[in-house]
């Protein structure tokens, strides 16, 4: 079984987590999507930066 991919339409990543991937999943100013693939596991994480930008607590750049 591959360590990354999609199953039942949801992304998965079972590689050992890294600080960079965990941080990118939770706070990525360069990503416009609120829901991003999990850094480890199955499903999605919330990109808090994109969420705050959408509710206008962070100005758009």
C-alpha atoms as a PDB file:
ATOM      1  CA  UNK A   1       0.000   0.000   0.000  1.00  0.00           C
ATOM      2  CA  UNK A   2       1.420   3.451  -0.880  1.00  0.00           C
ATOM      3  CA  UNK A   3       2.107   5.812   2.027  1.00  0.00           C
ATOM      4  CA  UNK A   4       0.216   8.727   0.386  1.00  0.00           C
ATOM      5  CA  UNK A   5      -2.836   8.921  -1.854  1.00  0.00           C
ATOM      6  CA  UNK A   6      -6.627   8.983  -1.712  1.00  0.00           C
ATOM      7  CA  UNK A   7      -9.114   6.453  -0.328  1.00  0.00           C
ATOM      8  CA  UNK A   8     -12.880   6.907  -0.603  1.00  0.00           C
ATOM      9  CA  UNK A   9     -12.191  10.383  -1.960  1.00  0.00           C
ATOM     10  CA  UNK A  10     -10.211  11.522   1.112  1.00  0.00           C
ATOM     11  CA  UNK A  11      -6.468  12.134   1.130  1.00  0.00           C
ATOM     12  CA  UNK A  12      -4.153  10.135   3.374  1.00  0.00           C
ATOM     13  CA  UNK A  13      -0.500  10.440   4.319  1.00  0.00           C
ATOM     14  CA  UNK A  14       1.083   7.786   6.534  1.00  0.00           C
ATOM     15  CA  UNK A  15       4.671   9.001   6.222  1.00  0.00           C
ATOM     16  CA  UNK A  16       6.282   9.917   9.544  1.00  0.00           C
ATOM     17  CA  UNK A  17       5.165  13.485  10.336  1.00  0.00           C
ATOM     18  CA  UNK A  18       7.635  16.356  10.174  1.00  0.00           C
ATOM     19  CA  UNK A  19       7.431  19.740  11.842  1.00  0.00           C
ATOM     20  CA  UNK A  20       7.382  21.459   8.431  1.00  0.00           C
ATOM     21  CA  UNK A  21       4.428  19.379   7.150  1.00  0.00           C
ATOM     22  CA  UNK A  22       2.512  19.770  10.420  1.00  0.00           C
ATOM     23  CA  UNK A  23       3.042  23.544  10.378  1.00  0.00           C
ATOM     24  CA  UNK A  24       2.087  23.813   6.705  1.00  0.00           C
ATOM     25  CA  UNK A  25      -1.151  21.972   7.426  1.00  0.00           C
ATOM     26  CA  UNK A  26      -2.153  24.315  10.225  1.00  0.00           C
ATOM     27  CA  UNK A  27      -0.697  27.695   9.154  1.00  0.00           C
ATOM     28  CA  UNK A  28       0.204  28.213   5.495  1.00  0.00           C
ATOM     29  CA  UNK A  29      -0.141  31.826   4.308  1.00  0.00           C
ATOM     30  CA  UNK A  30       0.588  30.761   0.725  1.00  0.00           C
ATOM     31  CA  UNK A  31      -2.367  28.352   0.581  1.00  0.00           C
ATOM     32  CA  UNK A  32      -5.837  29.754  -0.131  1.00  0.00           C
ATOM     33  CA  UNK A  33      -7.751  26.589   0.826  1.00  0.00           C
ATOM     34  CA  UNK A  34      -9.167  26.290   4.343  1.00  0.00           C
ATOM     35  CA  UNK A  35      -9.246  22.487   4.249  1.00  0.00           C
ATOM     36  CA  UNK A  36      -5.890  20.952   3.323  1.00  0.00           C
ATOM     37  CA  UNK A  37      -4.786  17.292   3.330  1.00  0.00           C
ATOM     38  CA  UNK A  38      -3.608  16.086   6.747  1.00  0.00           C
ATOM     39  CA  UNK A  39       0.108  16.109   7.460  1.00  0.00           C
ATOM     40  CA  UNK A  40      -0.332  12.652   9.025  1.00  0.00           C
ATOM     41  CA  UNK A  41      -3.381  10.437   8.868  1.00  0.00           C
ATOM     42  CA  UNK A  42      -6.559  10.348   6.804  1.00  0.00           C
ATOM     43  CA  UNK A  43      -8.726  13.355   5.978  1.00  0.00           C
ATOM     44  CA  UNK A  44      -8.248  17.090   6.198  1.00  0.00           C
ATOM     45  CA  UNK A  45      -6.690  19.697   8.499  1.00  0.00           C
ATOM     46  CA  UNK A  46      -7.894  23.292   8.872  1.00  0.00           C
ATOM     47  CA  UNK A  47      -5.480  25.923   7.581  1.00  0.00           C
ATOM     48  CA  UNK A  48      -6.087  28.483  10.327  1.00  0.00           C
ATOM     49  CA  UNK A  49      -4.401  31.301   8.391  1.00  0.00           C
ATOM     50  CA  UNK A  50      -6.761  30.869   5.432  1.00  0.00           C
ATOM     51  CA  UNK A  51      -9.742  30.631   7.796  1.00  0.00           C
ATOM     52  CA  UNK A  52      -8.825  33.875   9.573  1.00  0.00           C
ATOM     53  CA  UNK A  53      -8.245  35.574   6.224  1.00  0.00           C
ATOM     54  CA  UNK A  54     -11.728  34.513   5.081  1.00  0.00           C
ATOM     55  CA  UNK A  55     -13.415  35.920   8.158  1.00  0.00           C
ATOM     56  CA  UNK A  56     -11.275  39.054   7.671  1.00  0.00           C
ATOM     57  CA  UNK A  57      -9.239  38.931  10.865  1.00  0.00           C
ATOM     58  CA  UNK A  58      -6.086  38.925   8.707  1.00  0.00           C
ATOM     59  CA  UNK A  59      -5.879  41.386   5.807  1.00  0.00           C
ATOM     60  CA  UNK A  60      -5.494  39.916   2.332  1.00  0.00           C
ATOM     61  CA  UNK A  61      -2.057  40.414   0.840  1.00  0.00           C
END
